[in-house]
PDB file of N, CA and C in Angstrom:
ATOM      1  N   UNK A   1       0.869  -1.252  -0.225  1.00  0.00           N
ATOM      2  CA  UNK A   1      -0.035  -0.094   0.413  1.00  0.00           C
ATOM      3  C   UNK A   1       0.784   1.323  -0.308  1.00  0.00           C
ATOM      4  N   UNK A   2       1.949   1.131   0.841  1.00  0.00           N
ATOM      5  CA  UNK A   2       3.529   2.245   0.633  1.00  0.00           C
ATOM      6  C   UNK A   2       3.343   2.548  -0.890  1.00  0.00           C
ATOM      7  N   UNK A   3       2.965   1.956  -1.327  1.00  0.00           N
ATOM      8  CA  UNK A   3       3.220   1.841  -3.059  1.00  0.00           C
ATOM      9  C   UNK A   3       2.993   2.897  -4.007  1.00  0.00           C
ATOM     10  N   UNK A   4       1.475   2.766  -3.032  1.00  0.00           N
ATOM     11  CA  UNK A   4       0.705   3.633  -3.978  1.00  0.00           C
ATOM     12  C   UNK A   4       0.584   5.414  -4.101  1.00  0.00           C
ATOM     13  N   UNK A   5       1.002   5.289  -2.774  1.00  0.00           N
ATOM     14  CA  UNK A   5       1.527   6.924  -2.570  1.00  0.00           C
ATOM     15  C   UNK A   5       2.280   7.325  -3.216  1.00  0.00           C
ATOM     16  N   UNK A   6       3.837   7.102  -3.825  1.00  0.00           N
ATOM     17  CA  UNK A   6       4.366   8.099  -4.398  1.00  0.00           C
ATOM     18  C   UNK A   6       4.069   7.854  -6.204  1.00  0.00           C
ATOM     19  N   UNK A   7       3.007   6.624  -6.612  1.00  0.00           N
ATOM     20  CA  UNK A   7       2.482   7.178  -7.371  1.00  0.00           C
ATOM     21  C   UNK A   7       2.046   7.959  -7.956  1.00  0.00           C
ATOM     22  N   UNK A   8       1.110   7.806  -7.325  1.00  0.00           N
ATOM     23  CA  UNK A   8       0.419   9.232  -6.746  1.00  0.00           C
ATOM     24  C   UNK A   8       0.759  11.032  -6.586  1.00  0.00           C
ATOM     25  N   UNK A   9       2.324  10.670  -6.354  1.00  0.00           N
ATOM     26  CA  UNK A   9       2.400  12.022  -5.882  1.00  0.00           C
ATOM     27  C   UNK A   9       3.459  12.351  -7.788  1.00  0.00           C
ATOM     28  N   UNK A  10       4.000  11.080  -8.151  1.00  0.00           N
ATOM     29  CA  UNK A  10       4.486  11.853  -9.428  1.00  0.00           C
ATOM     30  C   UNK A  10       3.104  11.576 -10.268  1.00  0.00           C
ATOM     31  N   UNK A  11       2.708  11.408 -10.851  1.00  0.00           N
ATOM     32  CA  UNK A  11       1.044  11.785 -10.870  1.00  0.00           C
ATOM     33  C   UNK A  11       0.920  13.592 -11.376  1.00  0.00           C
ATOM     34  N   UNK A  12       0.957  13.489  -9.711  1.00  0.00           N
ATOM     35  CA  UNK A  12       0.451  15.299  -9.510  1.00  0.00           C
ATOM     36  C   UNK A  12       1.822  16.125  -9.947  1.00  0.00           C
ATOM     37  N   UNK A  13       2.796  16.180 -10.814  1.00  0.00           N
ATOM     38  CA  UNK A  13       3.808  16.301 -11.062  1.00  0.00           C
ATOM     39  C   UNK A  13       4.064  17.004 -11.970  1.00  0.00           C
ATOM     40  N   UNK A  14       3.058  16.023 -12.913  1.00  0.00           N
ATOM     41  CA  UNK A  14       3.098  15.488 -14.612  1.00  0.00           C
ATOM     42  C   UNK A  14       1.894  16.955 -15.373  1.00  0.00           C
ATOM     43  N   UNK A  15       1.151  17.710 -14.304  1.00  0.00           N
ATOM     44  CA  UNK A  15       0.301  19.115 -14.871  1.00  0.00           C
ATOM     45  C   UNK A  15       1.266  20.365 -14.527  1.00  0.00           C
ATOM     46  N   UNK A  16       1.732  20.834 -14.030  1.00  0.00           N
ATOM     47  CA  UNK A  16       2.830  21.762 -13.899  1.00  0.00           C
ATOM     48  C   UNK A  16       4.260  21.703 -14.667  1.00  0.00           C
ATOM     49  N   UNK A  17       4.494  20.716 -15.310  1.00  0.00           N
ATOM     50  CA  UNK A  17       5.022  19.900 -16.448  1.00  0.00           C
ATOM     51  C   UNK A  17       4.394  19.990 -17.958  1.00  0.00           C
ATOM     52  N   UNK A  18       3.177  20.293 -18.780  1.00  0.00           N
ATOM     53  CA  UNK A  18       2.843  20.689 -19.291  1.00  0.00           C
ATOM     54  C   UNK A  18       2.128  21.989 -19.402  1.00  0.00           C
ATOM     55  N   UNK A  19       2.557  22.438 -17.814  1.00  0.00           N
ATOM     56  CA  UNK A  19       1.829  23.852 -19.095  1.00  0.00           C
ATOM     57  C   UNK A  19       3.575  24.925 -18.796  1.00  0.00           C
ATOM     58  N   UNK A  20       4.438  24.384 -18.181  1.00  0.00           N
ATOM     59  CA  UNK A  20       5.412  24.965 -18.853  1.00  0.00           C
ATOM     60  C   UNK A  20       5.828  24.648 -20.221  1.00  0.00           C
ATOM     61  N   UNK A  21       5.995  23.395 -21.164  1.00  0.00           N
ATOM     62  CA  UNK A  21       5.899  22.683 -22.207  1.00  0.00           C
ATOM     63  C   UNK A  21       4.906  24.365 -23.446  1.00  0.00           C
ATOM     64  N   UNK A  22       3.524  24.800 -22.534  1.00  0.00           N
ATOM     65  CA  UNK A  22       2.681  24.968 -23.136  1.00  0.00           C
ATOM     66  C   UNK A  22       3.043  27.288 -23.156  1.00  0.00           C
ATOM     67  N   UNK A  23       3.578  26.610 -22.025  1.00  0.00           N
ATOM     68  CA  UNK A  23       4.018  28.315 -22.049  1.00  0.00           C
ATOM     69  C   UNK A  23       5.737  28.871 -23.080  1.00  0.00           C
ATOM     70  N   UNK A  24       6.395  27.670 -23.253  1.00  0.00           N
ATOM     71  CA  UNK A  24       7.570  27.917 -24.314  1.00  0.00           C
ATOM     72  C   UNK A  24       6.519  28.001 -26.056  1.00  0.00           C
ATOM     73  N   UNK A  25       6.283  27.276 -25.394  1.00  0.00           N
ATOM     74  CA  UNK A  25       5.003  27.455 -27.558  1.00  0.00           C
ATOM     75  C   UNK A  25       4.440  28.535 -27.666  1.00  0.00           C
ATOM     76  N   UNK A  26       4.727  29.561 -26.774  1.00  0.00           N
ATOM     77  CA  UNK A  26       3.295  30.614 -26.481  1.00  0.00           C
ATOM     78  C   UNK A  26       4.573  31.391 -26.676  1.00  0.00           C
ATOM     79  N   UNK A  27       5.716  31.229 -26.306  1.00  0.00           N
ATOM     80  CA  UNK A  27       7.298  31.919 -26.560  1.00  0.00           C
ATOM     81  C   UNK A  27       7.346  32.265 -28.097  1.00  0.00           C
ATOM     82  N   UNK A  28       7.742  30.921 -28.369  1.00  0.00           N
ATOM     83  CA  UNK A  28       7.275  30.972 -29.431  1.00  0.00           C
ATOM     84  C   UNK A  28       6.922  31.488 -31.204  1.00  0.00           C
ATOM     85  N   UNK A  29       5.459  31.210 -30.452  1.00  0.00           N
ATOM     86  CA  UNK A  29       4.642  32.068 -31.277  1.00  0.00           C
ATOM     87  C   UNK A  29       4.897  33.401 -31.836  1.00  0.00           C
ATOM     88  N   UNK A  30       4.872  34.202 -30.318  1.00  0.00           N
ATOM     89  CA  UNK A  30       5.183  35.236 -30.390  1.00  0.00           C
ATOM     90  C   UNK A  30       6.747  36.030 -30.487  1.00  0.00           C
ATOM     91  N   UNK A  31       7.535  35.306 -31.054  1.00  0.00           N
ATOM     92  CA  UNK A  31       8.568  35.431 -31.535  1.00  0.00           C
ATOM     93  C   UNK A  31       8.007  35.457 -33.550  1.00  0.00           C
ATOM     94  N   UNK A  32       7.653  34.324 -33.575  1.00  0.00           N
ATOM     95  CA  UNK A  32       7.050  34.816 -34.693  1.00  0.00           C
ATOM     96  C   UNK A  32       6.374  35.135 -36.057  1.00  0.00           C
ATOM     97  N   UNK A  33       5.831  35.962 -34.729  1.00  0.00           N
ATOM     98  CA  UNK A  33       4.532  36.544 -34.996  1.00  0.00           C
ATOM     99  C   UNK A  33       5.061  38.079 -35.548  1.00  0.00           C
ATOM    100  N   UNK A  34       6.384  38.624 -34.142  1.00  0.00           N
ATOM    101  CA  UNK A  34       7.362  39.485 -33.969  1.00  0.00           C
ATOM    102  C   UNK A  34       8.032  39.876 -35.576  1.00  0.00           C
ATOM    103  N   UNK A  35       8.709  38.630 -36.071  1.00  0.00           N
ATOM    104  CA  UNK A  35       9.823  38.935 -37.501  1.00  0.00           C
ATOM    105  C   UNK A  35       8.551  38.865 -38.937  1.00  0.00           C
ATOM    106  N   UNK A  36       7.088  39.269 -38.276  1.00  0.00           N
ATOM    107  CA  UNK A  36       6.410  39.304 -39.406  1.00  0.00           C
ATOM    108  C   UNK A  36       6.033  41.446 -39.662  1.00  0.00           C
ATOM    109  N   UNK A  37       6.773  41.665 -38.655  1.00  0.00           N
ATOM    110  CA  UNK A  37       6.577  42.985 -38.129  1.00  0.00           C
ATOM    111  C   UNK A  37       5.888  43.780 -38.793  1.00  0.00           C
ATOM    112  N   UNK A  38       5.189  44.846 -40.025  1.00  0.00           N
ATOM    113  CA  UNK A  38       3.949  45.675 -40.144  1.00  0.00           C
ATOM    114  C   UNK A  38       2.739  44.515 -40.834  1.00  0.00           C
ATOM    115  N   UNK A  39       3.836  42.723 -40.678  1.00  0.00           N
ATOM    116  CA  UNK A  39       2.575  42.142 -41.877  1.00  0.00           C
ATOM    117  C   UNK A  39       1.575  41.473 -40.027  1.00  0.00           C
ATOM    118  N   UNK A  40       2.014  41.708 -39.470  1.00  0.00           N
ATOM    119  CA  UNK A  40       1.481  41.003 -38.303  1.00  0.00           C
ATOM    120  C   UNK A  40       0.129  41.321 -37.443  1.00  0.00           C
ATOM    121  N   UNK A  41      -0.281  42.548 -37.652  1.00  0.00           N
ATOM    122  CA  UNK A  41      -1.375  42.419 -38.046  1.00  0.00           C
ATOM    123  C   UNK A  41      -2.693  41.582 -37.877  1.00  0.00           C
ATOM    124  N   UNK A  42      -2.403  42.044 -39.145  1.00  0.00           N
ATOM    125  CA  UNK A  42      -2.837  40.718 -40.942  1.00  0.00           C
ATOM    126  C   UNK A  42      -2.689  38.970 -40.389  1.00  0.00           C
ATOM    127  N   UNK A  43      -1.704  38.854 -39.783  1.00  0.00           N
ATOM    128  CA  UNK A  43      -1.679  37.998 -39.297  1.00  0.00           C
ATOM    129  C   UNK A  43      -2.443  37.222 -37.650  1.00  0.00           C
ATOM    130  N   UNK A  44      -3.013  38.107 -37.738  1.00  0.00           N
ATOM    131  CA  UNK A  44      -3.160  37.749 -36.428  1.00  0.00           C
ATOM    132  C   UNK A  44      -5.479  37.760 -36.589  1.00  0.00           C
ATOM    133  N   UNK A  45      -4.967  38.668 -37.610  1.00  0.00           N
ATOM    134  CA  UNK A  45      -6.645  38.443 -37.991  1.00  0.00           C
ATOM    135  C   UNK A  45      -6.941  37.507 -38.736  1.00  0.00           C
ATOM    136  N   UNK A  46      -5.695  36.915 -39.545  1.00  0.00           N
ATOM    137  CA  UNK A  46      -6.911  35.776 -40.566  1.00  0.00           C
ATOM    138  C   UNK A  46      -6.595  34.480 -39.038  1.00  0.00           C
ATOM    139  N   UNK A  47      -5.485  34.657 -37.821  1.00  0.00           N
ATOM    140  CA  UNK A  47      -5.831  33.856 -36.854  1.00  0.00           C
ATOM    141  C   UNK A  47      -7.132  33.804 -36.747  1.00  0.00           C
ATOM    142  N   UNK A  48      -7.310  34.563 -36.087  1.00  0.00           N
ATOM    143  CA  UNK A  48      -7.961  35.237 -35.409  1.00  0.00           C
ATOM    144  C   UNK A  48      -9.754  35.127 -36.345  1.00  0.00           C
ATOM    145  N   UNK A  49      -9.956  34.453 -37.252  1.00  0.00           N
ATOM    146  CA  UNK A  49     -10.343  34.365 -38.418  1.00  0.00           C
ATOM    147  C   UNK A  49     -10.714  33.359 -38.181  1.00  0.00           C
ATOM    148  N   UNK A  50      -9.915  32.173 -38.471  1.00  0.00           N
ATOM    149  CA  UNK A  50      -9.242  30.790 -38.595  1.00  0.00           C
ATOM    150  C   UNK A  50      -9.834  30.002 -37.708  1.00  0.00           C
ATOM    151  N   UNK A  51      -9.906  30.721 -36.405  1.00  0.00           N
ATOM    152  CA  UNK A  51     -10.690  30.435 -35.472  1.00  0.00           C
ATOM    153  C   UNK A  51     -12.369  29.881 -34.859  1.00  0.00           C
ATOM    154  N   UNK A  52     -12.811  31.214 -36.093  1.00  0.00           N
ATOM    155  CA  UNK A  52     -14.079  31.795 -35.538  1.00  0.00           C
ATOM    156  C   UNK A  52     -15.157  30.985 -36.276  1.00  0.00           C
ATOM    157  N   UNK A  53     -13.640  30.197 -37.300  1.00  0.00           N
ATOM    158  CA  UNK A  53     -14.785  29.382 -38.718  1.00  0.00           C
ATOM    159  C   UNK A  53     -14.535  28.188 -38.735  1.00  0.00           C
ATOM    160  N   UNK A  54     -13.915  27.562 -37.818  1.00  0.00           N
ATOM    161  CA  UNK A  54     -13.241  26.264 -37.901  1.00  0.00           C
ATOM    162  C   UNK A  54     -12.374  26.171 -38.206  1.00  0.00           C
ATOM    163  N   UNK A  55     -11.674  26.616 -38.663  1.00  0.00           N
ATOM    164  CA  UNK A  55     -10.156  26.460 -39.636  1.00  0.00           C
ATOM    165  C   UNK A  55     -11.388  26.484 -41.322  1.00  0.00           C
ATOM    166  N   UNK A  56     -11.766  27.094 -41.251  1.00  0.00           N
ATOM    167  CA  UNK A  56     -12.017  27.095 -42.530  1.00  0.00           C
ATOM    168  C   UNK A  56     -11.582  27.656 -43.589  1.00  0.00           C
ATOM    169  N   UNK A  57     -10.509  27.533 -44.215  1.00  0.00           N
ATOM    170  CA  UNK A  57      -9.227  28.195 -45.270  1.00  0.00           C
ATOM    171  C   UNK A  57     -10.049  29.009 -46.305  1.00  0.00           C
ATOM    172  N   UNK A  58     -11.336  28.759 -46.643  1.00  0.00           N
ATOM    173  CA  UNK A  58     -12.373  29.444 -47.961  1.00  0.00           C
ATOM    174  C   UNK A  58     -12.994  30.602 -47.614  1.00  0.00           C
ATOM    175  N   UNK A  59     -12.966  30.314 -46.195  1.00  0.00           N
ATOM    176  CA  UNK A  59     -14.254  31.586 -45.294  1.00  0.00           C
ATOM    177  C   UNK A  59     -13.362  32.914 -45.293  1.00  0.00           C
ATOM    178  N   UNK A  60     -11.971  32.599 -45.086  1.00  0.00           N
ATOM    179  CA  UNK A  60     -10.773  33.339 -44.812  1.00  0.00           C
ATOM    180  C   UNK A  60      -9.989  34.517 -45.950  1.00  0.00           C
ATOM    181  N   UNK A  61      -9.825  33.738 -46.918  1.00  0.00           N
ATOM    182  CA  UNK A  61      -9.204  34.519 -47.967  1.00  0.00           C
ATOM    183  C   UNK A  61      -9.396  35.797 -47.641  1.00  0.00           C
ATOM    184  N   UNK A  62     -10.219  36.464 -47.861  1.00  0.00           N
ATOM    185  CA  UNK A  62      -9.542  38.037 -47.623  1.00  0.00           C
ATOM    186  C   UNK A  62      -8.593  37.964 -47.289  1.00  0.00           C
ATOM    187  N   UNK A  63      -8.587  37.795 -45.811  1.00  0.00           N
ATOM    188  CA  UNK A  63      -7.460  37.665 -44.403  1.00  0.00           C
ATOM    189  C   UNK A  63      -5.936  37.269 -45.202  1.00  0.00           C
ATOM    190  N   UNK A  64      -6.766  35.615 -46.212  1.00  0.00           N
ATOM    191  CA  UNK A  64      -5.062  35.442 -46.331  1.00  0.00           C
ATOM    192  C   UNK A  64      -4.820  35.800 -47.854  1.00  0.00           C
ATOM    193  N   UNK A  65      -5.286  37.149 -48.178  1.00  0.00           N
ATOM    194  CA  UNK A  65      -4.541  37.640 -49.684  1.00  0.00           C
ATOM    195  C   UNK A  65      -3.899  38.901 -49.301  1.00  0.00           C
ATOM    196  N   UNK A  66      -4.719  38.993 -48.464  1.00  0.00           N
ATOM    197  CA  UNK A  66      -3.816  40.277 -47.257  1.00  0.00           C
ATOM    198  C   UNK A  66      -2.719  40.197 -46.715  1.00  0.00           C
ATOM    199  N   UNK A  67      -2.469  39.369 -46.136  1.00  0.00           N
ATOM    200  CA  UNK A  67      -1.334  38.779 -45.318  1.00  0.00           C
ATOM    201  C   UNK A  67      -0.122  38.367 -46.285  1.00  0.00           C
ATOM    202  N   UNK A  68      -0.783  37.295 -47.803  1.00  0.00           N
ATOM    203  CA  UNK A  68       0.114  37.101 -48.763  1.00  0.00           C
ATOM    204  C   UNK A  68       1.043  38.720 -49.660  1.00  0.00           C
ATOM    205  N   UNK A  69      -0.524  39.511 -49.633  1.00  0.00           N
ATOM    206  CA  UNK A  69      -0.043  41.212 -50.689  1.00  0.00           C
ATOM    207  C   UNK A  69       1.168  41.548 -49.362  1.00  0.00           C
ATOM    208  N   UNK A  70       0.846  41.887 -48.194  1.00  0.00           N
ATOM    209  CA  UNK A  70       1.981  42.116 -47.174  1.00  0.00           C
ATOM    210  C   UNK A  70       2.703  41.870 -46.984  1.00  0.00           C
ATOM    211  N   UNK A  71       3.489  40.395 -47.270  1.00  0.00           N
ATOM    212  CA  UNK A  71       4.240  40.050 -47.689  1.00  0.00           C
ATOM    213  C   UNK A  71       5.091  39.806 -48.307  1.00  0.00           C
ATOM    214  N   UNK A  72       4.747  40.185 -49.721  1.00  0.00           N
ATOM    215  CA  UNK A  72       5.052  40.355 -50.906  1.00  0.00           C
ATOM    216  C   UNK A  72       5.889  41.520 -51.044  1.00  0.00           C
ATOM    217  N   UNK A  73       4.468  42.341 -50.343  1.00  0.00           N
ATOM    218  CA  UNK A  73       5.621  43.903 -50.282  1.00  0.00           C
ATOM    219  C   UNK A  73       6.946  43.768 -49.463  1.00  0.00           C
ATOM    220  N   UNK A  74       6.694  43.571 -48.243  1.00  0.00           N
ATOM    221  CA  UNK A  74       8.137  43.299 -47.423  1.00  0.00           C
ATOM    222  C   UNK A  74       8.982  42.998 -47.889  1.00  0.00           C
ATOM    223  N   UNK A  75       8.956  42.255 -48.683  1.00  0.00           N
ATOM    224  CA  UNK A  75      10.022  41.444 -49.766  1.00  0.00           C
ATOM    225  C   UNK A  75      10.354  42.058 -50.777  1.00  0.00           C
ATOM    226  N   UNK A  76       9.911  42.285 -51.135  1.00  0.00           N
ATOM    227  CA  UNK A  76      10.049  43.628 -52.715  1.00  0.00           C
ATOM    228  C   UNK A  76      10.194  44.262 -52.018  1.00  0.00           C
ATOM    229  N   UNK A  77      10.326  45.442 -50.990  1.00  0.00           N
ATOM    230  CA  UNK A  77      11.012  46.632 -49.999  1.00  0.00           C
ATOM    231  C   UNK A  77      12.408  46.201 -49.438  1.00  0.00           C
ATOM    232  N   UNK A  78      13.085  44.678 -49.300  1.00  0.00           N
ATOM    233  CA  UNK A  78      13.853  44.936 -48.402  1.00  0.00           C
ATOM    234  C   UNK A  78      14.784  43.718 -49.322  1.00  0.00           C
ATOM    235  N   UNK A  79      14.195  43.545 -51.202  1.00  0.00           N
ATOM    236  CA  UNK A  79      15.597  43.819 -51.864  1.00  0.00           C
ATOM    237  C   UNK A  79      15.926  42.218 -52.262  1.00  0.00           C
ATOM    238  N   UNK A  80      14.821  41.031 -51.731  1.00  0.00           N
ATOM    239  CA  UNK A  80      15.116  39.201 -51.792  1.00  0.00           C
ATOM    240  C   UNK A  80      14.298  39.894 -52.376  1.00  0.00           C
TER     241      UNK A  80
END
């Protein structure tokens, strides 16, 4: 019966570790959005649309095209 106590203790350590991994993913996402610079608002708008439309890309084509155009302008102005 003493073996049951350590098992429940080790399982209670799992959720905080999962939270830490999620926080790392969030930080990576923030860095990726920052790299978009002036297109970041359009990217976030696209993400909002995808959430609202249950990830239906066809219903978010206005946002997709706006982000594409912004990214193209950004590439052309940087000389790439």
